[in-house]
Amino acid sequence: MNSLNAIPVIGWFLAFALCLFVGVPLYFLWNWLAPIYFYWLPSVYLSIPFWHVVGLLWLISSLRQLMLPSRIAASDKKEEVKRS
């Protein structure tokens, strides 16, 4: 069993920290380049607040974990089937 799955709160905090650090450059790049290259979008999407960027990143990572099984979990299940 993966050690981060034993205490899911630790994994949530790590995911939030990662989204926070990735969100800083993404926030500045989007708010700088979106009005130039995506001028056809509604004005709501041209200036996204920082916490919305972090929340979107966290939502995407959470949905990815729910929808796509990890390779570690799949390999653990294969080993359990071989043992029994």
N, C-alpha and C. Protein backbone atom coordinates (compact mmCIF):
# COMPACT_ATOMS: atom_id res chain seq x y z
N MET A 1 0.83 -1.18 0.00
CA MET A 1 0.00 0.00 0.00
C MET A 1 0.88 1.24 0.00
N ASN A 2 0.49 2.19 -0.79
CA ASN A 2 1.23 3.44 -0.87
C ASN A 2 1.10 4.19 0.46
N SER A 3 2.19 4.72 0.96
CA SER A 3 2.16 5.37 2.27
C SER A 3 1.33 6.65 2.26
N LEU A 4 1.24 7.34 1.12
CA LEU A 4 0.42 8.55 1.08
C LEU A 4 -1.07 8.22 1.13
N ASN A 5 -1.45 7.01 0.71
CA ASN A 5 -2.85 6.63 0.77
C ASN A 5 -3.28 6.26 2.19
N ALA A 6 -2.34 5.96 3.07
CA ALA A 6 -2.67 5.61 4.43
C ALA A 6 -3.25 6.81 5.18
N ILE A 7 -2.70 7.97 4.94
CA ILE A 7 -3.19 9.21 5.56
C ILE A 7 -3.47 10.18 4.41
N PRO A 8 -4.71 10.23 3.91
CA PRO A 8 -4.97 11.03 2.72
C PRO A 8 -4.80 12.53 2.92
N VAL A 9 -4.88 13.01 4.15
CA VAL A 9 -4.75 14.45 4.39
C VAL A 9 -3.37 14.94 3.99
N ILE A 10 -2.35 14.14 4.23
CA ILE A 10 -0.98 14.52 3.85
C ILE A 10 -0.88 14.66 2.34
N GLY A 11 -1.47 13.73 1.61
CA GLY A 11 -1.49 13.81 0.15
C GLY A 11 -2.23 15.04 -0.34
N TRP A 12 -3.32 15.41 0.34
CA TRP A 12 -4.07 16.61 -0.05
C TRP A 12 -3.23 17.85 0.16
N PHE A 13 -2.51 17.92 1.27
CA PHE A 13 -1.65 19.08 1.53
C PHE A 13 -0.51 19.17 0.51
N LEU A 14 0.07 18.02 0.16
CA LEU A 14 1.13 18.02 -0.84
C LEU A 14 0.60 18.44 -2.20
N ALA A 15 -0.58 17.97 -2.56
CA ALA A 15 -1.19 18.37 -3.84
C ALA A 15 -1.49 19.87 -3.84
N PHE A 16 -1.99 20.38 -2.73
CA PHE A 16 -2.27 21.81 -2.64
C PHE A 16 -1.00 22.63 -2.77
N ALA A 17 0.08 22.19 -2.10
CA ALA A 17 1.35 22.91 -2.17
C ALA A 17 1.88 22.91 -3.60
N LEU A 18 1.79 21.77 -4.27
CA LEU A 18 2.25 21.69 -5.66
C LEU A 18 1.42 22.61 -6.55
N CYS A 19 0.11 22.60 -6.37
CA CYS A 19 -0.76 23.48 -7.16
C CYS A 19 -0.47 24.95 -6.86
N LEU A 20 -0.13 25.25 -5.64
CA LEU A 20 0.20 26.62 -5.26
C LEU A 20 1.46 27.08 -5.98
N PHE A 21 2.49 26.24 -5.99
CA PHE A 21 3.75 26.62 -6.64
C PHE A 21 3.63 26.67 -8.16
N VAL A 22 2.84 25.79 -8.74
CA VAL A 22 2.63 25.81 -10.19
C VAL A 22 1.69 26.95 -10.57
N GLY A 23 0.79 27.30 -9.67
CA GLY A 23 -0.18 28.34 -9.95
C GLY A 23 0.41 29.74 -10.06
N VAL A 24 1.50 30.00 -9.39
CA VAL A 24 2.10 31.35 -9.43
C VAL A 24 2.55 31.71 -10.85
N PRO A 25 3.42 30.91 -11.49
CA PRO A 25 3.80 31.30 -12.86
C PRO A 25 2.65 31.19 -13.86
N LEU A 26 1.77 30.21 -13.66
CA LEU A 26 0.63 30.07 -14.56
C LEU A 26 -0.29 31.29 -14.47
N TYR A 27 -0.50 31.79 -13.28
CA TYR A 27 -1.32 32.98 -13.07
C TYR A 27 -0.74 34.19 -13.80
N PHE A 28 0.55 34.42 -13.62
CA PHE A 28 1.17 35.58 -14.26
C PHE A 28 1.22 35.43 -15.78
N LEU A 29 1.54 34.24 -16.25
CA LEU A 29 1.59 34.03 -17.69
C LEU A 29 0.21 34.17 -18.33
N TRP A 30 -0.82 33.61 -17.71
CA TRP A 30 -2.15 33.70 -18.27
C TRP A 30 -2.65 35.14 -18.31
N ASN A 31 -2.49 35.85 -17.20
CA ASN A 31 -2.99 37.22 -17.16
C ASN A 31 -2.17 38.18 -18.02
N TRP A 32 -0.97 37.79 -18.37
CA TRP A 32 -0.14 38.60 -19.26
C TRP A 32 -0.43 38.29 -20.73
N LEU A 33 -0.57 36.99 -21.07
CA LEU A 33 -0.69 36.60 -22.47
C LEU A 33 -2.12 36.40 -22.96
N ALA A 34 -3.05 36.15 -22.07
CA ALA A 34 -4.43 35.90 -22.50
C ALA A 34 -5.05 37.09 -23.22
N PRO A 35 -4.89 38.32 -22.73
CA PRO A 35 -5.48 39.44 -23.48
C PRO A 35 -4.88 39.64 -24.87
N ILE A 36 -3.65 39.17 -25.06
CA ILE A 36 -2.99 39.32 -26.36
C ILE A 36 -3.44 38.23 -27.34
N TYR A 37 -3.38 36.97 -26.90
CA TYR A 37 -3.62 35.85 -27.81
C TYR A 37 -5.03 35.30 -27.76
N PHE A 38 -5.74 35.53 -26.67
CA PHE A 38 -7.11 35.02 -26.55
C PHE A 38 -8.09 36.18 -26.39
N TYR A 39 -7.91 37.22 -27.18
CA TYR A 39 -8.75 38.41 -27.10
C TYR A 39 -10.22 38.11 -27.39
N TRP A 40 -10.49 37.01 -28.09
CA TRP A 40 -11.86 36.65 -28.47
C TRP A 40 -12.63 36.00 -27.32
N LEU A 41 -11.95 35.65 -26.23
CA LEU A 41 -12.64 35.07 -25.08
C LEU A 41 -13.41 36.16 -24.32
N PRO A 42 -14.44 35.77 -23.59
CA PRO A 42 -15.12 36.77 -22.74
C PRO A 42 -14.15 37.35 -21.71
N SER A 43 -14.42 38.56 -21.27
CA SER A 43 -13.49 39.27 -20.38
C SER A 43 -13.30 38.56 -19.04
N VAL A 44 -14.26 37.73 -18.65
CA VAL A 44 -14.13 36.98 -17.40
C VAL A 44 -12.91 36.06 -17.45
N TYR A 45 -12.64 35.48 -18.60
CA TYR A 45 -11.54 34.52 -18.74
C TYR A 45 -10.20 35.18 -19.05
N LEU A 46 -10.20 36.47 -19.30
CA LEU A 46 -8.94 37.15 -19.62
C LEU A 46 -8.17 37.57 -18.38
N SER A 47 -8.82 37.65 -17.25
CA SER A 47 -8.17 38.03 -16.00
C SER A 47 -8.70 37.14 -14.88
N ILE A 48 -8.07 35.99 -14.72
CA ILE A 48 -8.51 35.01 -13.73
C ILE A 48 -7.81 35.29 -12.40
N PRO A 49 -8.54 35.34 -11.29
CA PRO A 49 -7.91 35.56 -9.98
C PRO A 49 -6.98 34.40 -9.60
N PHE A 50 -5.99 34.71 -8.78
CA PHE A 50 -4.97 33.72 -8.41
C PHE A 50 -5.57 32.48 -7.75
N TRP A 51 -6.46 32.67 -6.80
CA TRP A 51 -7.00 31.50 -6.09
C TRP A 51 -7.89 30.65 -6.98
N HIS A 52 -8.44 31.24 -8.03
CA HIS A 52 -9.20 30.44 -8.99
C HIS A 52 -8.26 29.55 -9.80
N VAL A 53 -7.08 30.07 -10.12
CA VAL A 53 -6.08 29.27 -10.85
C VAL A 53 -5.64 28.09 -9.98
N VAL A 54 -5.35 28.35 -8.72
CA VAL A 54 -4.94 27.28 -7.81
C VAL A 54 -6.07 26.26 -7.65
N GLY A 55 -7.29 26.74 -7.50
CA GLY A 55 -8.43 25.84 -7.36
C GLY A 55 -8.66 24.98 -8.60
N LEU A 56 -8.50 25.57 -9.78
CA LEU A 56 -8.64 24.80 -11.01
C LEU A 56 -7.56 23.73 -11.12
N LEU A 57 -6.33 24.09 -10.78
CA LEU A 57 -5.25 23.10 -10.82
C LEU A 57 -5.51 21.96 -9.84
N TRP A 58 -5.99 22.30 -8.64
CA TRP A 58 -6.29 21.29 -7.63
C TRP A 58 -7.45 20.39 -8.08
N LEU A 59 -8.45 21.00 -8.69
CA LEU A 59 -9.59 20.23 -9.19
C LEU A 59 -9.15 19.28 -10.30
N ILE A 60 -8.34 19.76 -11.22
CA ILE A 60 -7.86 18.92 -12.32
C ILE A 60 -7.03 17.76 -11.79
N SER A 61 -6.14 18.03 -10.83
CA SER A 61 -5.31 16.95 -10.29
C SER A 61 -6.16 15.93 -9.52
N SER A 62 -7.18 16.41 -8.79
CA SER A 62 -8.04 15.50 -8.04
C SER A 62 -8.88 14.64 -8.99
N LEU A 63 -9.43 15.24 -10.02
CA LEU A 63 -10.21 14.46 -10.99
C LEU A 63 -9.35 13.47 -11.75
N ARG A 64 -8.11 13.86 -12.05
CA ARG A 64 -7.19 12.94 -12.73
C ARG A 64 -6.91 11.72 -11.86
N GLN A 65 -6.74 11.94 -10.56
CA GLN A 65 -6.48 10.83 -9.66
C GLN A 65 -7.69 9.92 -9.52
N LEU A 66 -8.89 10.50 -9.58
CA LEU A 66 -10.10 9.69 -9.48
C LEU A 66 -10.36 8.90 -10.76
N MET A 67 -10.14 9.51 -11.91
CA MET A 67 -10.47 8.90 -13.19
C MET A 67 -9.41 7.92 -13.69
N LEU A 68 -8.16 8.24 -13.45
CA LEU A 68 -7.07 7.42 -13.97
C LEU A 68 -6.37 6.70 -12.81
N PRO A 69 -6.37 5.39 -12.80
CA PRO A 69 -5.67 4.68 -11.72
C PRO A 69 -4.17 4.85 -11.84
N SER A 70 -3.50 4.86 -10.71
CA SER A 70 -2.05 5.02 -10.73
C SER A 70 -1.39 3.70 -11.09
N ARG A 71 -0.19 3.78 -11.60
CA ARG A 71 0.55 2.57 -11.97
C ARG A 71 0.95 1.78 -10.73
N ILE A 72 1.22 2.46 -9.64
CA ILE A 72 1.60 1.78 -8.41
C ILE A 72 0.45 0.93 -7.91
N ALA A 73 -0.75 1.47 -7.90
CA ALA A 73 -1.92 0.72 -7.44
C ALA A 73 -2.19 -0.46 -8.34
N ALA A 74 -2.02 -0.29 -9.65
CA ALA A 74 -2.25 -1.39 -10.59
C ALA A 74 -1.21 -2.48 -10.40
N SER A 75 0.05 -2.11 -10.17
CA SER A 75 1.08 -3.13 -9.98
C SER A 75 0.91 -3.85 -8.65
N ASP A 76 0.43 -3.13 -7.60
CA ASP A 76 0.17 -3.78 -6.32
C ASP A 76 -0.94 -4.81 -6.45
N LYS A 77 -1.97 -4.52 -7.21
CA LYS A 77 -3.08 -5.46 -7.40
C LYS A 77 -2.61 -6.69 -8.16
N LYS A 78 -1.74 -6.50 -9.15
CA LYS A 78 -1.22 -7.64 -9.90
C LYS A 78 -0.39 -8.55 -8.98
N GLU A 79 0.39 -7.96 -8.09
CA GLU A 79 1.20 -8.76 -7.16
C GLU A 79 0.32 -9.51 -6.18
N GLU A 80 -0.78 -8.88 -5.73
CA GLU A 80 -1.70 -9.54 -4.80
C GLU A 80 -2.39 -10.72 -5.47
N VAL A 81 -2.72 -10.58 -6.75
CA VAL A 81 -3.36 -11.67 -7.49
C VAL A 81 -2.37 -12.82 -7.65
N LYS A 82 -1.13 -12.53 -7.93
CA LYS A 82 -0.11 -13.57 -8.09
C LYS A 82 0.13 -14.32 -6.78
N ARG A 83 0.07 -13.62 -5.64
CA ARG A 83 0.32 -14.26 -4.35
C ARG A 83 -0.81 -15.20 -3.96
N SER A 84 -2.05 -14.87 -4.31
CA SER A 84 -3.17 -15.71 -3.88
C SER A 84 -3.49 -16.81 -4.84
